Amino acid sequence: MTLNMKKTLSSKSGFTMIELLVVATIIILLTTIGLVSYRQASISSRNGKRKADLETVRQALVMYRSEQGSYPTTNDFDVMIGILKAEGFLSDDSTVFTDPGQNTYLYSGGGTSFTLTATLEPSGTYELKNP
């Protein structure tokens, strides 16, 4: 009778603790890799938006200068955007030019030249100058 009982106990199926730990470790590893990749993709996307915003504004500024003879002389990005919209170089319904993070875009113009600056993630800056 004890032989029958031993057979029954040893034939039970299930997972050992080692197997469960291995599976849990693999799941944690894959999750970590996925989160790191997602974070990098998010940073790259936000930096891409920053660069695209500044390029759009740069093109509008070049058109503004070709018609007006000089660049706006303000040192305030929002004021400069307002000038470009008021003069028809950017449409009122165009993209809102705000940094996708917590930073702000910077503009400095002296009539004959300008600099557009965005702070990139995780560090660094992106500048467009003309001329």
N, C-alpha and C. Protein backbone atom coordinates (compact mmCIF):
# COMPACT_ATOMS: atom_id res chain seq x y z
N MET A 1 0.81 -1.18 0.00
CA MET A 1 0.00 0.00 0.00
C MET A 1 0.86 1.25 0.00
N THR A 2 1.95 1.24 0.71
CA THR A 2 2.82 2.40 0.70
C THR A 2 3.47 2.58 -0.66
N LEU A 3 3.65 1.51 -1.40
CA LEU A 3 4.21 1.60 -2.73
C LEU A 3 3.25 2.33 -3.67
N ASN A 4 1.98 2.03 -3.54
CA ASN A 4 0.96 2.71 -4.34
C ASN A 4 0.91 4.20 -4.02
N MET A 5 1.05 4.54 -2.76
CA MET A 5 1.01 5.93 -2.32
C MET A 5 2.21 6.70 -2.86
N LYS A 6 3.37 6.09 -2.86
CA LYS A 6 4.56 6.74 -3.39
C LYS A 6 4.41 6.99 -4.89
N LYS A 7 3.85 6.03 -5.61
CA LYS A 7 3.64 6.20 -7.03
C LYS A 7 2.71 7.37 -7.30
N THR A 8 1.67 7.48 -6.54
CA THR A 8 0.69 8.55 -6.73
C THR A 8 1.32 9.91 -6.46
N LEU A 9 2.12 10.03 -5.41
CA LEU A 9 2.75 11.30 -5.08
C LEU A 9 3.78 11.70 -6.13
N SER A 10 4.53 10.75 -6.62
CA SER A 10 5.59 11.09 -7.56
C SER A 10 5.04 11.35 -8.97
N SER A 11 3.85 10.92 -9.27
CA SER A 11 3.32 11.13 -10.61
C SER A 11 2.49 12.41 -10.72
N LYS A 12 2.39 13.18 -9.65
CA LYS A 12 1.66 14.45 -9.72
C LYS A 12 2.44 15.41 -10.61
N SER A 13 1.70 16.14 -11.45
CA SER A 13 2.37 17.10 -12.32
C SER A 13 2.28 18.49 -11.70
N GLY A 14 3.22 19.36 -12.10
CA GLY A 14 3.26 20.71 -11.59
C GLY A 14 4.61 21.32 -11.89
N PHE A 15 4.78 22.56 -11.47
CA PHE A 15 6.03 23.26 -11.71
C PHE A 15 6.84 23.31 -10.43
N THR A 16 8.13 23.16 -10.58
CA THR A 16 9.00 23.28 -9.41
C THR A 16 9.25 24.76 -9.14
N MET A 17 9.76 25.04 -7.99
CA MET A 17 10.06 26.41 -7.63
C MET A 17 11.13 26.99 -8.55
N ILE A 18 12.10 26.20 -8.94
CA ILE A 18 13.16 26.65 -9.85
C ILE A 18 12.56 27.06 -11.19
N GLU A 19 11.65 26.25 -11.72
CA GLU A 19 11.02 26.58 -13.00
C GLU A 19 10.25 27.90 -12.91
N LEU A 20 9.54 28.09 -11.83
CA LEU A 20 8.79 29.34 -11.64
C LEU A 20 9.73 30.54 -11.54
N LEU A 21 10.85 30.38 -10.84
CA LEU A 21 11.81 31.47 -10.72
C LEU A 21 12.44 31.81 -12.07
N VAL A 22 12.74 30.80 -12.87
CA VAL A 22 13.31 31.03 -14.20
C VAL A 22 12.32 31.80 -15.07
N VAL A 23 11.07 31.40 -15.07
CA VAL A 23 10.05 32.08 -15.86
C VAL A 23 9.86 33.52 -15.38
N ALA A 24 9.81 33.72 -14.07
CA ALA A 24 9.66 35.08 -13.52
C ALA A 24 10.85 35.95 -13.91
N THR A 25 12.05 35.40 -13.87
CA THR A 25 13.24 36.15 -14.25
C THR A 25 13.19 36.55 -15.72
N ILE A 26 12.77 35.65 -16.57
CA ILE A 26 12.66 35.96 -18.00
C ILE A 26 11.63 37.05 -18.23
N ILE A 27 10.49 36.98 -17.56
CA ILE A 27 9.45 38.00 -17.71
C ILE A 27 9.96 39.36 -17.25
N ILE A 28 10.65 39.39 -16.13
CA ILE A 28 11.19 40.66 -15.62
C ILE A 28 12.23 41.22 -16.59
N LEU A 29 13.07 40.38 -17.13
CA LEU A 29 14.10 40.82 -18.07
C LEU A 29 13.47 41.40 -19.34
N LEU A 30 12.49 40.72 -19.90
CA LEU A 30 11.82 41.21 -21.11
C LEU A 30 11.07 42.51 -20.85
N THR A 31 10.45 42.63 -19.70
CA THR A 31 9.74 43.87 -19.34
C THR A 31 10.71 45.03 -19.22
N THR A 32 11.85 44.80 -18.59
CA THR A 32 12.86 45.85 -18.45
C THR A 32 13.37 46.30 -19.81
N ILE A 33 13.66 45.37 -20.68
CA ILE A 33 14.13 45.72 -22.03
C ILE A 33 13.06 46.53 -22.76
N GLY A 34 11.82 46.12 -22.65
CA GLY A 34 10.72 46.84 -23.30
C GLY A 34 10.56 48.26 -22.78
N LEU A 35 10.66 48.43 -21.47
CA LEU A 35 10.51 49.77 -20.89
C LEU A 35 11.66 50.69 -21.30
N VAL A 36 12.87 50.17 -21.33
CA VAL A 36 14.02 50.99 -21.74
C VAL A 36 13.86 51.39 -23.20
N SER A 37 13.45 50.48 -24.05
CA SER A 37 13.25 50.79 -25.47
C SER A 37 12.15 51.82 -25.65
N TYR A 38 11.07 51.69 -24.90
CA TYR A 38 9.96 52.65 -24.99
C TYR A 38 10.43 54.04 -24.56
N ARG A 39 11.20 54.11 -23.50
CA ARG A 39 11.70 55.40 -23.01
C ARG A 39 12.58 56.06 -24.06
N GLN A 40 13.48 55.29 -24.67
CA GLN A 40 14.36 55.84 -25.70
C GLN A 40 13.55 56.32 -26.90
N ALA A 41 12.53 55.56 -27.29
CA ALA A 41 11.69 55.97 -28.42
C ALA A 41 10.93 57.25 -28.10
N SER A 42 10.46 57.39 -26.87
CA SER A 42 9.75 58.59 -26.45
C SER A 42 10.66 59.81 -26.49
N ILE A 43 11.87 59.67 -26.00
CA ILE A 43 12.84 60.77 -26.01
C ILE A 43 13.15 61.17 -27.45
N SER A 44 13.38 60.19 -28.29
CA SER A 44 13.69 60.47 -29.69
C SER A 44 12.53 61.17 -30.38
N SER A 45 11.32 60.77 -30.07
CA SER A 45 10.13 61.40 -30.65
C SER A 45 10.00 62.85 -30.22
N ARG A 46 10.19 63.11 -28.93
CA ARG A 46 10.09 64.49 -28.44
C ARG A 46 11.19 65.37 -29.04
N ASN A 47 12.40 64.85 -29.15
CA ASN A 47 13.49 65.61 -29.78
C ASN A 47 13.20 65.88 -31.25
N GLY A 48 12.59 64.92 -31.92
CA GLY A 48 12.21 65.11 -33.32
C GLY A 48 11.18 66.22 -33.48
N LYS A 49 10.22 66.28 -32.56
CA LYS A 49 9.22 67.36 -32.61
C LYS A 49 9.88 68.71 -32.39
N ARG A 50 10.81 68.77 -31.47
CA ARG A 50 11.51 70.03 -31.21
C ARG A 50 12.23 70.52 -32.48
N LYS A 51 12.94 69.62 -33.12
CA LYS A 51 13.69 69.98 -34.33
C LYS A 51 12.75 70.39 -35.46
N ALA A 52 11.65 69.66 -35.62
CA ALA A 52 10.69 70.00 -36.67
C ALA A 52 10.04 71.35 -36.42
N ASP A 53 9.69 71.63 -35.16
CA ASP A 53 9.12 72.94 -34.81
C ASP A 53 10.07 74.07 -35.18
N LEU A 54 11.33 73.93 -34.79
CA LEU A 54 12.29 75.00 -35.08
C LEU A 54 12.53 75.15 -36.58
N GLU A 55 12.53 74.07 -37.31
CA GLU A 55 12.72 74.16 -38.76
C GLU A 55 11.53 74.87 -39.42
N THR A 56 10.32 74.59 -38.97
CA THR A 56 9.14 75.27 -39.51
C THR A 56 9.21 76.76 -39.23
N VAL A 57 9.59 77.11 -38.01
CA VAL A 57 9.71 78.53 -37.64
C VAL A 57 10.83 79.18 -38.44
N ARG A 58 11.94 78.48 -38.64
CA ARG A 58 13.05 79.02 -39.42
C ARG A 58 12.60 79.37 -40.84
N GLN A 59 11.85 78.48 -41.45
CA GLN A 59 11.37 78.74 -42.81
C GLN A 59 10.45 79.96 -42.84
N ALA A 60 9.58 80.09 -41.84
CA ALA A 60 8.70 81.26 -41.78
C ALA A 60 9.50 82.54 -41.58
N LEU A 61 10.56 82.47 -40.77
CA LEU A 61 11.40 83.65 -40.55
C LEU A 61 12.13 84.07 -41.82
N VAL A 62 12.59 83.11 -42.60
CA VAL A 62 13.28 83.43 -43.86
C VAL A 62 12.30 84.12 -44.82
N MET A 63 11.07 83.61 -44.89
CA MET A 63 10.06 84.26 -45.74
C MET A 63 9.73 85.66 -45.23
N TYR A 64 9.66 85.80 -43.91
CA TYR A 64 9.38 87.10 -43.30
C TYR A 64 10.46 88.10 -43.71
N ARG A 65 11.71 87.69 -43.62
CA ARG A 65 12.81 88.60 -43.96
C ARG A 65 12.80 88.97 -45.44
N SER A 66 12.47 88.00 -46.28
CA SER A 66 12.47 88.31 -47.72
C SER A 66 11.40 89.35 -48.06
N GLU A 67 10.32 89.40 -47.30
CA GLU A 67 9.27 90.40 -47.54
C GLU A 67 9.48 91.68 -46.74
N GLN A 68 9.90 91.55 -45.50
CA GLN A 68 9.99 92.71 -44.60
C GLN A 68 11.38 93.36 -44.60
N GLY A 69 12.39 92.64 -45.05
CA GLY A 69 13.73 93.20 -45.09
C GLY A 69 14.57 92.92 -43.86
N SER A 70 13.96 92.44 -42.79
CA SER A 70 14.72 92.08 -41.58
C SER A 70 13.91 91.07 -40.77
N TYR A 71 14.59 90.46 -39.82
CA TYR A 71 13.92 89.52 -38.93
C TYR A 71 13.27 90.29 -37.78
N PRO A 72 12.26 89.69 -37.13
CA PRO A 72 11.69 90.36 -35.95
C PRO A 72 12.78 90.60 -34.90
N THR A 73 12.74 91.75 -34.25
CA THR A 73 13.82 92.13 -33.33
C THR A 73 13.52 91.77 -31.88
N THR A 74 12.46 91.08 -31.63
CA THR A 74 12.14 90.68 -30.26
C THR A 74 13.06 89.54 -29.81
N ASN A 75 13.17 89.35 -28.52
CA ASN A 75 13.90 88.20 -27.97
C ASN A 75 12.96 87.25 -27.25
N ASP A 76 11.68 87.32 -27.57
CA ASP A 76 10.66 86.47 -26.96
C ASP A 76 10.08 85.56 -28.04
N PHE A 77 10.19 84.26 -27.83
CA PHE A 77 9.73 83.29 -28.83
C PHE A 77 8.24 83.45 -29.11
N ASP A 78 7.43 83.56 -28.07
CA ASP A 78 5.98 83.66 -28.25
C ASP A 78 5.59 84.94 -28.99
N VAL A 79 6.26 86.04 -28.70
CA VAL A 79 5.99 87.30 -29.40
C VAL A 79 6.34 87.15 -30.88
N MET A 80 7.48 86.53 -31.16
CA MET A 80 7.91 86.32 -32.54
C MET A 80 6.91 85.45 -33.29
N ILE A 81 6.40 84.39 -32.66
CA ILE A 81 5.39 83.53 -33.28
C ILE A 81 4.14 84.36 -33.58
N GLY A 82 3.74 85.22 -32.64
CA GLY A 82 2.59 86.09 -32.86
C GLY A 82 2.79 87.01 -34.06
N ILE A 83 3.99 87.54 -34.22
CA ILE A 83 4.29 88.41 -35.37
C ILE A 83 4.18 87.62 -36.67
N LEU A 84 4.75 86.42 -36.69
CA LEU A 84 4.70 85.60 -37.91
C LEU A 84 3.27 85.22 -38.26
N LYS A 85 2.44 84.94 -37.26
CA LYS A 85 1.04 84.61 -37.52
C LYS A 85 0.27 85.84 -37.99
N ALA A 86 0.52 86.98 -37.36
CA ALA A 86 -0.19 88.22 -37.73
C ALA A 86 0.15 88.64 -39.16
N GLU A 87 1.37 88.38 -39.59
CA GLU A 87 1.79 88.76 -40.94
C GLU A 87 1.48 87.68 -41.98
N GLY A 88 0.93 86.55 -41.54
CA GLY A 88 0.52 85.50 -42.47
C GLY A 88 1.60 84.50 -42.85
N PHE A 89 2.70 84.49 -42.13
CA PHE A 89 3.78 83.54 -42.44
C PHE A 89 3.59 82.20 -41.74
N LEU A 90 2.78 82.20 -40.72
CA LEU A 90 2.33 80.97 -40.06
C LEU A 90 0.81 81.08 -39.95
N SER A 91 0.12 79.99 -40.22
CA SER A 91 -1.33 80.05 -40.12
C SER A 91 -1.75 80.00 -38.65
N ASP A 92 -2.90 80.59 -38.37
CA ASP A 92 -3.40 80.60 -36.99
C ASP A 92 -3.69 79.20 -36.48
N ASP A 93 -4.06 78.31 -37.37
CA ASP A 93 -4.38 76.95 -36.95
C ASP A 93 -3.17 76.02 -37.05
N SER A 94 -1.99 76.59 -37.31
CA SER A 94 -0.80 75.75 -37.41
C SER A 94 -0.44 75.18 -36.04
N THR A 95 0.48 74.27 -36.05
CA THR A 95 0.91 73.60 -34.83
C THR A 95 1.25 74.60 -33.73
N VAL A 96 0.87 74.27 -32.54
CA VAL A 96 1.28 75.09 -31.40
C VAL A 96 2.75 74.78 -31.16
N PHE A 97 3.55 75.82 -31.20
CA PHE A 97 4.99 75.63 -31.07
C PHE A 97 5.39 75.67 -29.60
N THR A 98 5.12 74.58 -28.92
CA THR A 98 5.53 74.46 -27.52
C THR A 98 6.36 73.20 -27.38
N ASP A 99 7.32 73.27 -26.51
CA ASP A 99 8.18 72.13 -26.24
C ASP A 99 7.34 70.99 -25.67
N PRO A 100 7.53 69.75 -26.15
CA PRO A 100 6.75 68.63 -25.64
C PRO A 100 7.10 68.23 -24.20
N GLY A 101 8.14 68.81 -23.67
CA GLY A 101 8.52 68.53 -22.28
C GLY A 101 8.25 69.74 -21.42
N GLN A 102 9.14 70.02 -20.52
CA GLN A 102 8.99 71.14 -19.58
C GLN A 102 9.79 72.37 -20.00
N ASN A 103 10.51 72.29 -21.10
CA ASN A 103 11.38 73.39 -21.53
C ASN A 103 10.64 74.36 -22.43
N THR A 104 11.28 75.46 -22.76
CA THR A 104 10.71 76.43 -23.69
C THR A 104 11.67 76.63 -24.85
N TYR A 105 11.13 77.05 -25.98
CA TYR A 105 11.96 77.41 -27.11
C TYR A 105 12.45 78.83 -26.91
N LEU A 106 13.64 79.10 -27.43
CA LEU A 106 14.22 80.44 -27.30
C LEU A 106 14.45 81.03 -28.68
N TYR A 107 14.24 82.34 -28.77
CA TYR A 107 14.49 83.08 -30.01
C TYR A 107 15.23 84.34 -29.66
N SER A 108 16.26 84.63 -30.41
CA SER A 108 16.91 85.93 -30.29
C SER A 108 17.17 86.43 -31.70
N GLY A 109 16.69 87.63 -31.97
CA GLY A 109 16.84 88.19 -33.30
C GLY A 109 17.28 89.63 -33.23
N GLY A 110 18.17 89.98 -34.11
CA GLY A 110 18.67 91.35 -34.13
C GLY A 110 18.39 92.06 -35.43
N GLY A 111 17.41 91.60 -36.18
CA GLY A 111 17.08 92.24 -37.44
C GLY A 111 17.81 91.64 -38.62
N THR A 112 19.11 91.39 -38.47
CA THR A 112 19.90 90.83 -39.58
C THR A 112 20.21 89.35 -39.39
N SER A 113 19.99 88.84 -38.20
CA SER A 113 20.23 87.42 -37.94
C SER A 113 19.31 86.96 -36.81
N PHE A 114 19.24 85.66 -36.63
CA PHE A 114 18.45 85.11 -35.53
C PHE A 114 19.03 83.78 -35.09
N THR A 115 18.66 83.39 -33.88
CA THR A 115 19.01 82.08 -33.35
C THR A 115 17.78 81.48 -32.70
N LEU A 116 17.46 80.26 -33.09
CA LEU A 116 16.38 79.48 -32.47
C LEU A 116 17.04 78.36 -31.68
N THR A 117 16.60 78.16 -30.44
CA THR A 117 17.23 77.15 -29.58
C THR A 117 16.18 76.31 -28.89
N ALA A 118 16.43 75.01 -28.84
CA ALA A 118 15.59 74.07 -28.09
C ALA A 118 16.51 73.21 -27.23
N THR A 119 16.07 72.92 -26.02
CA THR A 119 16.81 72.03 -25.14
C THR A 119 16.38 70.60 -25.44
N LEU A 120 17.36 69.73 -25.71
CA LEU A 120 17.08 68.34 -26.04
C LEU A 120 17.16 67.46 -24.80
N GLU A 121 16.56 66.28 -24.92
CA GLU A 121 16.64 65.29 -23.85
C GLU A 121 17.69 64.25 -24.24
N PRO A 122 18.39 63.67 -23.36
CA PRO A 122 18.48 63.97 -21.94
C PRO A 122 19.35 65.18 -21.65
N SER A 123 20.17 65.59 -22.63
CA SER A 123 20.98 66.79 -22.43
C SER A 123 21.34 67.35 -23.80
N GLY A 124 21.82 68.56 -23.81
CA GLY A 124 22.24 69.18 -25.05
C GLY A 124 21.21 70.18 -25.56
N THR A 125 21.60 70.89 -26.60
CA THR A 125 20.70 71.86 -27.22
C THR A 125 20.75 71.70 -28.73
N TYR A 126 19.73 72.19 -29.37
CA TYR A 126 19.64 72.20 -30.83
C TYR A 126 19.45 73.65 -31.23
N GLU A 127 20.34 74.15 -32.07
CA GLU A 127 20.28 75.55 -32.48
C GLU A 127 20.19 75.67 -34.00
N LEU A 128 19.37 76.61 -34.42
CA LEU A 128 19.31 77.00 -35.82
C LEU A 128 19.66 78.47 -35.88
N LYS A 129 20.63 78.80 -36.72
CA LYS A 129 21.05 80.20 -36.86
C LYS A 129 20.90 80.60 -38.32
N ASN A 130 20.61 81.87 -38.51
CA ASN A 130 20.55 82.39 -39.86
C ASN A 130 21.03 83.82 -39.84
N PRO A 131 21.85 84.28 -40.67
CA PRO A 131 22.62 83.52 -41.64
C PRO A 131 23.75 82.77 -40.98
